[in-house]
Amino acid sequence: MHDFRYLNDKGYKGGLEKSAINTINPPRNQPKLHDLGSKPLLQRLYIGMNDIHAISEFEQSLGKMNPEIALSAAQAVFLSDWRSILPPVQVPTTIIQSKTDYIVPEKDMISTLYGR
């Protein structure tokens, strides 16, 4: 099984550069979540499409979240690195994969799971 992490690393394609993550991590004393929702990166990350209605709905839901909690959650997700934890997992697992996933495109998931 392939190891998983969102950030690219030497010899590993996670899908995102650290600089992209930094764009959603403003200084802790000035979190502006409503600004984050309008960034094209987040639209692609969470929605993976150009559906104006879906993007608008997503932006509205972001605006209702506590900015500190949302930023903390985003950091936990995008900066996580499970590479040392996942290989020994032997529990049968069902993976539901979106065809429009920006972070883990379908072709990358197939390659990871089946070596193709």
Protein backbone atom coordinates (compact mmCIF):
# COMPACT_ATOMS: atom_id res chain seq x y z
CA MET A 1 0.00 0.00 0.00
CA HIS A 2 1.21 3.49 -0.81
CA ASP A 3 1.79 6.01 1.95
CA PHE A 4 -0.46 9.07 2.12
CA ARG A 5 0.10 12.74 2.73
CA TYR A 6 -1.26 15.91 1.09
CA LEU A 7 2.05 17.72 0.64
CA ASN A 8 4.56 16.84 -2.03
CA ASP A 9 7.84 15.56 -0.65
CA LYS A 10 11.10 14.33 -2.12
CA GLY A 11 10.11 11.29 -4.18
CA TYR A 12 6.45 11.59 -3.16
CA LYS A 13 3.55 13.29 -4.95
CA GLY A 14 0.92 14.33 -2.44
CA GLY A 15 -0.67 16.88 -4.75
CA LEU A 16 0.09 20.14 -2.96
CA GLU A 17 3.13 22.30 -2.38
CA LYS A 18 3.74 23.78 1.07
CA SER A 19 3.39 27.25 -0.47
CA ALA A 20 -0.21 26.45 -1.47
CA ILE A 21 -1.04 25.43 2.09
CA ASN A 22 0.50 28.65 3.37
CA THR A 23 -2.08 30.62 1.36
CA ILE A 24 -4.83 29.25 3.60
CA ASN A 25 -2.90 29.87 6.79
CA PRO A 26 -3.00 33.61 7.61
CA PRO A 27 -1.37 34.89 10.81
CA ARG A 28 -3.12 33.43 13.85
CA ASN A 29 -4.13 36.88 15.05
CA GLN A 30 -5.89 37.73 11.77
CA PRO A 31 -7.83 34.72 10.50
CA LYS A 32 -10.22 35.80 7.76
CA LEU A 33 -12.16 32.71 6.80
CA HIS A 34 -14.43 34.61 4.43
CA ASP A 35 -11.32 35.51 2.42
CA LEU A 36 -10.27 31.87 2.33
CA GLY A 37 -13.52 30.70 0.77
CA SER A 38 -13.03 32.85 -2.29
CA LYS A 39 -9.58 31.53 -3.11
CA PRO A 40 -9.54 29.32 -6.23
CA LEU A 41 -7.31 26.79 -4.43
CA LEU A 42 -9.96 26.06 -1.81
CA GLN A 43 -12.68 25.87 -4.43
CA ARG A 44 -10.73 23.18 -6.23
CA LEU A 45 -9.69 21.39 -3.06
CA TYR A 46 -13.10 21.05 -1.52
CA ILE A 47 -15.43 21.14 -4.48
CA GLY A 48 -13.23 20.08 -7.37
CA MET A 49 -15.39 21.75 -9.97
CA ASN A 50 -16.45 25.07 -11.38
CA ASP A 51 -20.11 24.89 -10.34
CA ILE A 52 -20.87 28.48 -9.31
CA HIS A 53 -23.85 27.43 -7.14
CA ALA A 54 -21.83 24.80 -5.28
CA ILE A 55 -18.92 27.20 -4.78
CA SER A 56 -21.27 29.91 -3.49
CA GLU A 57 -22.91 27.45 -1.08
CA PHE A 58 -19.49 26.34 0.12
CA GLU A 59 -18.34 29.93 0.66
CA GLN A 60 -21.48 30.66 2.69
CA SER A 61 -20.91 27.62 4.88
CA LEU A 62 -17.29 28.67 5.45
CA GLY A 63 -18.49 32.10 6.52
CA LYS A 64 -20.60 30.52 9.27
CA MET A 65 -17.68 28.64 10.82
CA ASN A 66 -15.61 29.90 13.72
CA PRO A 67 -12.41 31.05 11.94
CA GLU A 68 -10.02 29.71 14.58
CA ILE A 69 -11.61 26.26 14.50
CA ALA A 70 -11.75 26.18 10.69
CA LEU A 71 -8.09 27.15 10.36
CA SER A 72 -7.06 24.61 12.96
CA ALA A 73 -9.01 21.89 11.13
CA ALA A 74 -7.52 22.88 7.76
CA GLN A 75 -4.01 22.74 9.21
CA ALA A 76 -4.65 19.34 10.76
CA VAL A 77 -5.91 17.95 7.45
CA PHE A 78 -3.46 19.46 4.98
CA LEU A 79 -0.34 19.19 7.11
CA SER A 80 -1.01 15.61 8.23
CA ASP A 81 1.46 12.91 7.26
CA TRP A 82 0.27 9.33 7.65
CA ARG A 83 3.14 7.69 5.78
CA SER A 84 4.56 5.89 8.80
CA ILE A 85 1.17 4.83 10.16
CA LEU A 86 -0.74 3.43 7.18
CA PRO A 87 1.53 0.68 5.83
CA PRO A 88 0.97 -1.74 8.73
CA VAL A 89 -2.86 -1.35 8.61
CA GLN A 90 -4.34 -4.73 7.68
CA VAL A 91 -8.05 -4.02 8.23
CA PRO A 92 -10.18 -4.51 5.08
CA THR A 93 -11.31 -1.07 3.95
CA THR A 94 -13.82 0.35 1.49
CA ILE A 95 -12.62 3.47 -0.29
CA ILE A 96 -15.17 5.82 -1.83
CA GLN A 97 -13.39 7.96 -4.41
CA SER A 98 -14.77 10.97 -6.26
CA LYS A 99 -13.83 11.24 -9.94
CA THR A 100 -13.29 14.99 -9.49
CA ASP A 101 -11.05 14.86 -6.42
CA TYR A 102 -8.36 17.54 -6.85
CA ILE A 103 -6.16 16.22 -4.05
CA VAL A 104 -6.27 12.53 -4.98
CA PRO A 105 -7.25 12.23 -8.65
CA GLU A 106 -8.83 8.95 -9.69
CA LYS A 107 -5.77 7.93 -11.75
CA ASP A 108 -3.49 8.44 -8.74
CA MET A 109 -5.78 6.39 -6.49
CA ILE A 110 -5.85 3.53 -9.02
CA SER A 111 -2.08 3.70 -9.41
CA THR A 112 -1.60 3.65 -5.65
CA LEU A 113 -3.97 0.77 -5.01
CA TYR A 114 -3.26 -1.41 -8.03
CA GLY A 115 0.16 -0.31 -9.24
CA ARG A 116 -1.18 0.73 -12.66
